[in-house]
Amino acid sequence: MKSNEENKTLLLRWARFFVGLAILGLVFAFFSSGYSPPGVLGEVLRHNQENYIDASPLFYSEVENMAELEEGVRLLRETKNSRGSKF
């Protein structure tokens, strides 16, 4: 049988979990609402919305020549490592 102290600890853990879950839900709801902050802070968001610009991370990951770019990066790293660079 659990002691009263263990029950309080377990209850506190569950309470913190649900508070954190509620905060995550509120943050998600806020950002998905389409609200943009006033002034300079929301200028980029408003500009992108007005001009129908999709600035999501998925948009930037859709690079058509990604295989060529990755090969170039691999070659640069090999060249750098062959020269004995520490960085």
N, C-alpha and C. Protein backbone atom coordinates (compact mmCIF):
# COMPACT_ATOMS: atom_id res chain seq x y z
N MET A 1 0.84 -1.18 0.00
CA MET A 1 0.00 0.00 0.00
C MET A 1 0.89 1.25 0.00
N LYS A 2 0.50 2.22 -0.81
CA LYS A 2 1.29 3.45 -0.92
C LYS A 2 1.00 4.36 0.26
N SER A 3 2.05 5.06 0.64
CA SER A 3 1.89 6.01 1.73
C SER A 3 1.26 7.29 1.21
N ASN A 4 0.84 8.12 2.14
CA ASN A 4 0.22 9.39 1.80
C ASN A 4 1.20 10.29 1.04
N GLU A 5 2.48 10.24 1.42
CA GLU A 5 3.52 11.04 0.75
C GLU A 5 3.70 10.61 -0.70
N GLU A 6 3.70 9.30 -0.96
CA GLU A 6 3.84 8.80 -2.33
C GLU A 6 2.64 9.19 -3.18
N ASN A 7 1.45 9.18 -2.60
CA ASN A 7 0.25 9.59 -3.33
C ASN A 7 0.31 11.06 -3.73
N LYS A 8 0.81 11.90 -2.80
CA LYS A 8 0.94 13.32 -3.11
C LYS A 8 1.95 13.55 -4.23
N THR A 9 3.07 12.81 -4.19
CA THR A 9 4.09 12.94 -5.22
C THR A 9 3.54 12.53 -6.58
N LEU A 10 2.81 11.41 -6.60
CA LEU A 10 2.22 10.95 -7.84
C LEU A 10 1.20 11.94 -8.38
N LEU A 11 0.39 12.48 -7.49
CA LEU A 11 -0.61 13.47 -7.89
C LEU A 11 0.06 14.74 -8.42
N LEU A 12 1.14 15.15 -7.77
CA LEU A 12 1.87 16.33 -8.23
C LEU A 12 2.47 16.10 -9.61
N ARG A 13 3.00 14.91 -9.87
CA ARG A 13 3.56 14.60 -11.19
C ARG A 13 2.49 14.66 -12.27
N TRP A 14 1.33 14.07 -11.98
CA TRP A 14 0.24 14.11 -12.96
C TRP A 14 -0.26 15.54 -13.18
N ALA A 15 -0.31 16.32 -12.12
CA ALA A 15 -0.77 17.71 -12.24
C ALA A 15 0.19 18.50 -13.12
N ARG A 16 1.49 18.33 -12.90
CA ARG A 16 2.48 19.03 -13.73
C ARG A 16 2.39 18.58 -15.18
N PHE A 17 2.16 17.29 -15.40
CA PHE A 17 2.02 16.78 -16.75
C PHE A 17 0.85 17.44 -17.46
N PHE A 18 -0.31 17.50 -16.79
CA PHE A 18 -1.49 18.07 -17.42
C PHE A 18 -1.38 19.58 -17.60
N VAL A 19 -0.70 20.26 -16.70
CA VAL A 19 -0.47 21.70 -16.87
C VAL A 19 0.43 21.93 -18.08
N GLY A 20 1.48 21.13 -18.22
CA GLY A 20 2.36 21.24 -19.38
C GLY A 20 1.64 20.93 -20.67
N LEU A 21 0.79 19.91 -20.63
CA LEU A 21 -0.01 19.56 -21.81
C LEU A 21 -0.96 20.69 -22.20
N ALA A 22 -1.56 21.32 -21.20
CA ALA A 22 -2.46 22.44 -21.46
C ALA A 22 -1.70 23.63 -22.05
N ILE A 23 -0.50 23.89 -21.55
CA ILE A 23 0.31 24.98 -22.09
C ILE A 23 0.69 24.70 -23.53
N LEU A 24 1.10 23.47 -23.83
CA LEU A 24 1.42 23.11 -25.22
C LEU A 24 0.20 23.28 -26.12
N GLY A 25 -0.96 22.88 -25.64
CA GLY A 25 -2.18 23.04 -26.41
C GLY A 25 -2.50 24.49 -26.68
N LEU A 26 -2.31 25.34 -25.68
CA LEU A 26 -2.57 26.77 -25.85
C LEU A 26 -1.60 27.40 -26.84
N VAL A 27 -0.34 27.01 -26.75
CA VAL A 27 0.67 27.53 -27.68
C VAL A 27 0.32 27.10 -29.10
N PHE A 28 -0.05 25.83 -29.27
CA PHE A 28 -0.44 25.33 -30.60
C PHE A 28 -1.66 26.09 -31.12
N ALA A 29 -2.65 26.28 -30.27
CA ALA A 29 -3.87 26.99 -30.69
C ALA A 29 -3.55 28.44 -31.07
N PHE A 30 -2.66 29.08 -30.31
CA PHE A 30 -2.29 30.46 -30.60
C PHE A 30 -1.62 30.58 -31.97
N PHE A 31 -0.64 29.70 -32.24
CA PHE A 31 0.09 29.81 -33.50
C PHE A 31 -0.74 29.35 -34.69
N SER A 32 -1.69 28.48 -34.47
CA SER A 32 -2.51 28.02 -35.60
C SER A 32 -3.71 28.93 -35.85
N SER A 33 -3.91 29.93 -35.01
CA SER A 33 -5.05 30.82 -35.16
C SER A 33 -4.86 31.83 -36.30
N GLY A 34 -3.62 32.04 -36.73
CA GLY A 34 -3.36 33.01 -37.79
C GLY A 34 -3.12 34.42 -37.26
N TYR A 35 -3.11 34.59 -35.95
CA TYR A 35 -2.87 35.89 -35.36
C TYR A 35 -1.43 36.30 -35.63
N SER A 36 -1.22 37.54 -35.98
CA SER A 36 0.14 38.06 -36.11
C SER A 36 0.31 39.21 -35.14
N PRO A 37 1.43 39.26 -34.46
CA PRO A 37 1.67 40.32 -33.49
C PRO A 37 1.63 41.70 -34.14
N PRO A 38 1.25 42.71 -33.39
CA PRO A 38 1.19 44.07 -33.95
C PRO A 38 2.59 44.65 -34.16
N GLY A 39 2.66 45.62 -35.02
CA GLY A 39 3.91 46.35 -35.22
C GLY A 39 4.95 45.57 -35.99
N VAL A 40 6.20 45.86 -35.66
CA VAL A 40 7.33 45.29 -36.36
C VAL A 40 7.40 43.78 -36.17
N LEU A 41 7.00 43.27 -35.02
CA LEU A 41 7.10 41.85 -34.74
C LEU A 41 6.28 40.99 -35.70
N GLY A 42 5.17 41.50 -36.18
CA GLY A 42 4.32 40.73 -37.08
C GLY A 42 4.44 41.11 -38.54
N GLU A 43 5.36 42.00 -38.85
CA GLU A 43 5.48 42.50 -40.23
C GLU A 43 5.78 41.39 -41.23
N VAL A 44 6.70 40.51 -40.91
CA VAL A 44 7.05 39.42 -41.82
C VAL A 44 5.87 38.48 -42.00
N LEU A 45 5.18 38.16 -40.91
CA LEU A 45 4.02 37.27 -41.01
C LEU A 45 2.93 37.88 -41.88
N ARG A 46 2.65 39.15 -41.67
CA ARG A 46 1.62 39.81 -42.47
C ARG A 46 2.02 39.88 -43.94
N HIS A 47 3.29 40.18 -44.20
CA HIS A 47 3.77 40.25 -45.58
C HIS A 47 3.61 38.89 -46.27
N ASN A 48 4.00 37.81 -45.58
CA ASN A 48 3.89 36.48 -46.17
C ASN A 48 2.43 36.10 -46.41
N GLN A 49 1.54 36.46 -45.50
CA GLN A 49 0.14 36.13 -45.67
C GLN A 49 -0.48 36.94 -46.81
N GLU A 50 -0.15 38.21 -46.91
CA GLU A 50 -0.71 39.07 -47.96
C GLU A 50 -0.25 38.63 -49.35
N ASN A 51 0.97 38.11 -49.45
CA ASN A 51 1.53 37.73 -50.75
C ASN A 51 1.48 36.22 -50.98
N TYR A 52 0.75 35.51 -50.14
CA TYR A 52 0.58 34.06 -50.27
C TYR A 52 1.91 33.33 -50.35
N ILE A 53 2.82 33.69 -49.46
CA ILE A 53 4.14 33.06 -49.40
C ILE A 53 4.09 31.95 -48.35
N ASP A 54 4.44 30.74 -48.77
CA ASP A 54 4.50 29.62 -47.84
C ASP A 54 5.91 29.54 -47.29
N ALA A 55 6.10 30.00 -46.06
CA ALA A 55 7.43 30.03 -45.46
C ALA A 55 7.58 28.94 -44.41
N SER A 56 6.92 27.82 -44.64
CA SER A 56 7.04 26.71 -43.69
C SER A 56 8.36 25.99 -43.90
N PRO A 57 8.84 25.27 -42.88
CA PRO A 57 10.09 24.52 -43.05
C PRO A 57 10.01 23.49 -44.18
N LEU A 58 8.84 22.91 -44.40
CA LEU A 58 8.69 21.94 -45.47
C LEU A 58 8.95 22.59 -46.83
N PHE A 59 8.54 23.84 -46.98
CA PHE A 59 8.77 24.57 -48.23
C PHE A 59 10.27 24.67 -48.52
N TYR A 60 11.06 24.96 -47.49
CA TYR A 60 12.49 25.12 -47.68
C TYR A 60 13.21 23.79 -47.85
N SER A 61 12.58 22.70 -47.45
CA SER A 61 13.23 21.39 -47.59
C SER A 61 13.03 20.79 -48.98
N GLU A 62 12.17 21.37 -49.78
CA GLU A 62 11.88 20.84 -51.10
C GLU A 62 12.81 21.45 -52.15
N VAL A 63 14.09 21.15 -52.04
CA VAL A 63 15.08 21.65 -52.97
C VAL A 63 15.22 20.62 -54.09
N GLU A 64 15.11 21.08 -55.32
CA GLU A 64 15.09 20.15 -56.45
C GLU A 64 16.41 19.46 -56.69
N ASN A 65 17.52 20.11 -56.47
CA ASN A 65 18.82 19.49 -56.73
C ASN A 65 19.53 19.13 -55.42
N MET A 66 18.79 18.60 -54.46
CA MET A 66 19.36 18.30 -53.14
C MET A 66 20.48 17.27 -53.22
N ALA A 67 20.36 16.26 -54.09
CA ALA A 67 21.40 15.23 -54.20
C ALA A 67 22.73 15.85 -54.63
N GLU A 68 22.69 16.78 -55.57
CA GLU A 68 23.92 17.45 -56.02
C GLU A 68 24.52 18.29 -54.91
N LEU A 69 23.67 18.99 -54.17
CA LEU A 69 24.16 19.82 -53.07
C LEU A 69 24.78 18.97 -51.97
N GLU A 70 24.14 17.85 -51.65
CA GLU A 70 24.69 16.96 -50.62
C GLU A 70 26.03 16.39 -51.05
N GLU A 71 26.17 16.05 -52.31
CA GLU A 71 27.44 15.54 -52.83
C GLU A 71 28.52 16.61 -52.72
N GLY A 72 28.17 17.86 -53.02
CA GLY A 72 29.13 18.95 -52.88
C GLY A 72 29.58 19.14 -51.44
N VAL A 73 28.64 19.04 -50.52
CA VAL A 73 28.98 19.16 -49.09
C VAL A 73 29.89 18.02 -48.67
N ARG A 74 29.57 16.80 -49.13
CA ARG A 74 30.40 15.64 -48.80
C ARG A 74 31.83 15.83 -49.30
N LEU A 75 31.97 16.32 -50.53
CA LEU A 75 33.30 16.56 -51.09
C LEU A 75 34.05 17.64 -50.32
N LEU A 76 33.36 18.70 -49.93
CA LEU A 76 34.00 19.75 -49.13
C LEU A 76 34.51 19.20 -47.80
N ARG A 77 33.69 18.37 -47.16
CA ARG A 77 34.11 17.79 -45.88
C ARG A 77 35.31 16.87 -46.05
N GLU A 78 35.31 16.08 -47.11
CA GLU A 78 36.45 15.19 -47.34
C GLU A 78 37.72 15.98 -47.60
N THR A 79 37.59 17.05 -48.38
CA THR A 79 38.74 17.90 -48.67
C THR A 79 39.26 18.55 -47.39
N LYS A 80 38.34 19.01 -46.60
CA LYS A 80 38.71 19.66 -45.34
C LYS A 80 39.38 18.67 -44.39
N ASN A 81 38.84 17.47 -44.30
CA ASN A 81 39.41 16.45 -43.41
C ASN A 81 40.77 15.96 -43.91
N SER A 82 40.96 15.93 -45.22
CA SER A 82 42.24 15.46 -45.75
C SER A 82 43.34 16.47 -45.49
N ARG A 83 42.99 17.73 -45.30
CA ARG A 83 43.98 18.77 -45.00
C ARG A 83 44.31 18.83 -43.52
N GLY A 84 43.60 18.07 -42.70
CA GLY A 84 43.90 18.02 -41.28
C GLY A 84 43.30 19.15 -40.49
N SER A 85 42.26 19.74 -40.98
CA SER A 85 41.61 20.85 -40.27
C SER A 85 40.93 20.33 -39.02
N LYS A 86 41.02 21.09 -37.93
CA LYS A 86 40.39 20.69 -36.67
C LYS A 86 38.92 21.09 -36.63
N PHE A 87 38.49 21.98 -37.49
CA PHE A 87 37.12 22.48 -37.44
C PHE A 87 36.33 21.94 -38.54
